[in-house]
Amino acid sequence: MSHRVFVYGTLKRDEPNHYWLTSPENGKSNFIGVGVTKTKYPLIIATKYNIPFLLYSPGKGHHVRGEIYEVDDAMLSKLDILEDHPKFYERMIDSILINKSDTLDCWVYFLKSFKKECIDRPKYENYSSAGPHGRPYLERFLRDPNFDHKADIR
């Protein structure tokens, strides 16, 4: 079985977690192309680890740019582990524009439960860890294992 997944943060090419999509032991993935959310959403960077979050607040923020991958069941399962679905992120089907008029239905990992003040953070159309925001992502192996970053945002 194959699934289309839209990635907007650290899973994109040239980003810190892209290796999840390219590691054969995780399953199979195939880059389909770039896309943009048909609906506007707030893409923010939060916690002391500078993690990108796509907040489920339709109509606020930007049409977020990202990449579409076709993945097998094994890869989707590994991505669910990375994103802690369904306990933290929730994977939902959303429409992604692949050009000005064509759409693909893709799985997208949204943060549906978040602190109210998160919506007031700067919002981005396109994420890059090395972006001009000056907030590079801190990889998991460098983080304090005793710090609960999820409590910062939920």
Protein backbone atom coordinates (compact mmCIF):
# COMPACT_ATOMS: atom_id res chain seq x y z
CA MET A 1 0.00 0.00 0.00
CA SER A 2 1.29 3.48 -0.76
CA HIS A 3 0.47 6.76 0.92
CA ARG A 4 1.19 10.38 0.00
CA VAL A 5 2.70 12.45 2.80
CA PHE A 6 3.25 16.21 2.79
CA VAL A 7 6.28 17.29 4.82
CA TYR A 8 6.88 20.94 5.73
CA GLY A 9 9.69 20.95 8.30
CA THR A 10 12.72 18.90 9.27
CA LEU A 11 11.79 15.99 6.97
CA LYS A 12 12.30 18.03 3.79
CA ARG A 13 15.40 17.61 1.65
CA ASP A 14 18.50 19.30 3.14
CA GLU A 15 16.87 19.39 6.59
CA PRO A 16 18.01 17.53 9.75
CA ASN A 17 15.46 14.67 9.74
CA HIS A 18 15.36 13.99 6.01
CA TYR A 19 17.37 10.81 6.60
CA TRP A 20 14.17 9.25 8.03
CA LEU A 21 12.71 9.32 4.51
CA THR A 22 15.86 7.98 2.84
CA SER A 23 16.83 5.16 5.23
CA PRO A 24 15.90 1.82 3.60
CA GLU A 25 15.42 0.23 7.02
CA ASN A 26 12.48 2.61 7.56
CA GLY A 27 10.71 1.50 4.39
CA LYS A 28 10.33 3.03 0.96
CA SER A 29 9.76 6.62 -0.07
CA ASN A 30 9.66 8.37 -3.39
CA PHE A 31 9.81 12.15 -3.87
CA ILE A 32 6.74 13.27 -5.84
CA GLY A 33 7.32 17.02 -5.93
CA VAL A 34 6.82 20.28 -4.14
CA GLY A 35 3.46 21.52 -3.02
CA VAL A 36 1.66 24.09 -0.94
CA THR A 37 -1.27 23.72 1.43
CA LYS A 38 -4.55 24.71 -0.19
CA THR A 39 -5.64 26.10 3.19
CA LYS A 40 -3.65 28.62 5.21
CA TYR A 41 -2.13 27.30 8.45
CA PRO A 42 0.25 28.72 11.05
CA LEU A 43 3.70 27.17 10.69
CA ILE A 44 5.67 28.21 13.77
CA ILE A 45 9.00 27.46 15.41
CA ALA A 46 8.78 26.76 19.13
CA THR A 47 10.43 25.28 22.23
CA LYS A 48 14.05 25.74 23.17
CA TYR A 49 14.82 23.10 20.52
CA ASN A 50 13.42 25.25 17.67
CA ILE A 51 10.99 22.64 16.39
CA PRO A 52 8.69 23.55 13.49
CA PHE A 53 5.01 22.92 14.21
CA LEU A 54 2.07 23.13 11.84
CA LEU A 55 -0.80 24.21 14.06
CA TYR A 56 -4.25 23.03 13.12
CA SER A 57 -5.89 26.43 12.89
CA PRO A 58 -7.27 26.59 9.34
CA GLY A 59 -7.38 30.03 7.74
CA LYS A 60 -4.60 31.53 9.85
CA GLY A 61 -1.00 31.88 8.74
CA HIS A 62 0.18 31.06 5.23
CA HIS A 63 -0.21 28.59 2.42
CA VAL A 64 2.68 26.46 3.65
CA ARG A 65 5.26 25.15 1.17
CA GLY A 66 6.66 21.66 1.47
CA GLU A 67 7.37 18.39 -0.28
CA ILE A 68 5.22 15.41 -1.20
CA TYR A 69 6.46 11.85 -0.85
CA GLU A 70 4.87 8.54 -1.68
CA VAL A 71 5.67 6.11 1.13
CA ASP A 72 4.90 2.48 1.92
CA ASP A 73 3.19 1.19 5.06
CA ALA A 74 6.53 0.61 6.84
CA MET A 75 7.71 4.19 6.22
CA LEU A 76 4.36 5.65 7.29
CA SER A 77 4.61 3.66 10.50
CA LYS A 78 8.14 5.02 11.14
CA LEU A 79 6.96 8.59 10.48
CA ASP A 80 4.12 8.04 12.96
CA ILE A 81 6.76 7.08 15.55
CA LEU A 82 8.87 10.15 14.78
CA GLU A 83 5.84 12.45 15.03
CA ASP A 84 4.36 10.60 18.03
CA HIS A 85 1.05 10.15 16.22
CA PRO A 86 -1.65 10.13 17.54
CA LYS A 87 -0.53 11.19 21.05
CA PHE A 88 1.20 14.44 20.00
CA TYR A 89 0.85 15.22 16.30
CA GLU A 90 -2.26 14.05 14.51
CA ARG A 91 -1.95 12.76 10.97
CA MET A 92 -4.82 14.03 8.81
CA ILE A 93 -5.65 14.09 5.11
CA ASP A 94 -5.41 17.56 3.60
CA SER A 95 -5.45 19.01 0.06
CA ILE A 96 -2.08 20.03 -1.28
CA LEU A 97 -1.73 22.16 -4.42
CA ILE A 98 0.90 20.80 -6.79
CA ASN A 99 0.50 23.60 -9.28
CA LYS A 100 -1.89 26.49 -9.52
CA SER A 101 -4.97 24.28 -9.95
CA ASP A 102 -4.25 20.59 -9.29
CA THR A 103 -4.44 19.08 -5.82
CA LEU A 104 -3.39 15.85 -4.17
CA ASP A 105 -4.82 14.50 -0.95
CA CYS A 106 -1.90 13.85 1.38
CA TRP A 107 -1.29 12.91 4.97
CA VAL A 108 -0.11 15.91 6.99
CA TYR A 109 1.08 15.93 10.61
CA PHE A 110 -0.75 18.70 12.50
CA LEU A 111 -0.50 19.82 16.10
CA LYS A 112 -4.16 20.08 17.10
CA SER A 113 -3.67 20.63 20.82
CA PHE A 114 -1.50 23.67 21.58
CA LYS A 115 -1.27 26.59 23.99
CA LYS A 116 -3.37 29.56 22.92
CA GLU A 117 -0.34 31.89 22.83
CA CYS A 118 1.34 29.72 20.17
CA ILE A 119 -0.94 31.24 17.54
CA ASP A 120 0.69 34.64 18.22
CA ARG A 121 4.20 33.43 17.32
CA PRO A 122 5.77 34.42 13.99
CA LYS A 123 4.34 32.37 11.16
CA TYR A 124 6.33 31.03 8.22
CA GLU A 125 5.42 30.11 4.67
CA ASN A 126 8.47 27.93 4.20
CA TYR A 127 10.65 26.28 6.86
CA SER A 128 14.41 25.84 6.82
CA SER A 129 16.46 25.07 9.92
CA ALA A 130 19.11 27.44 8.55
CA GLY A 131 16.56 30.14 7.67
CA PRO A 132 16.82 33.86 8.40
CA HIS A 133 14.81 33.37 11.61
CA GLY A 134 18.10 32.40 13.34
CA ARG A 135 16.51 29.46 15.17
CA PRO A 136 18.25 26.28 14.00
CA TYR A 137 16.64 22.96 14.91
CA LEU A 138 18.36 21.06 17.72
CA GLU A 139 18.53 17.36 16.87
CA ARG A 140 17.19 14.84 19.35
CA PHE A 141 20.55 13.35 20.29
CA LEU A 142 21.70 16.81 21.47
CA ARG A 143 18.67 17.48 23.68
CA ASP A 144 18.34 17.23 27.44
CA PRO A 145 16.52 13.91 28.02
CA ASN A 146 14.95 15.31 31.21
CA PHE A 147 13.32 18.29 29.48
CA ASP A 148 9.76 17.83 28.20
CA HIS A 149 9.56 20.06 25.13
CA LYS A 150 5.95 18.98 24.54
CA ALA A 151 4.88 20.77 27.71
CA ASP A 152 6.21 24.02 26.21
CA ILE A 153 3.69 23.95 23.41
CA ARG A 154 0.69 22.04 24.80
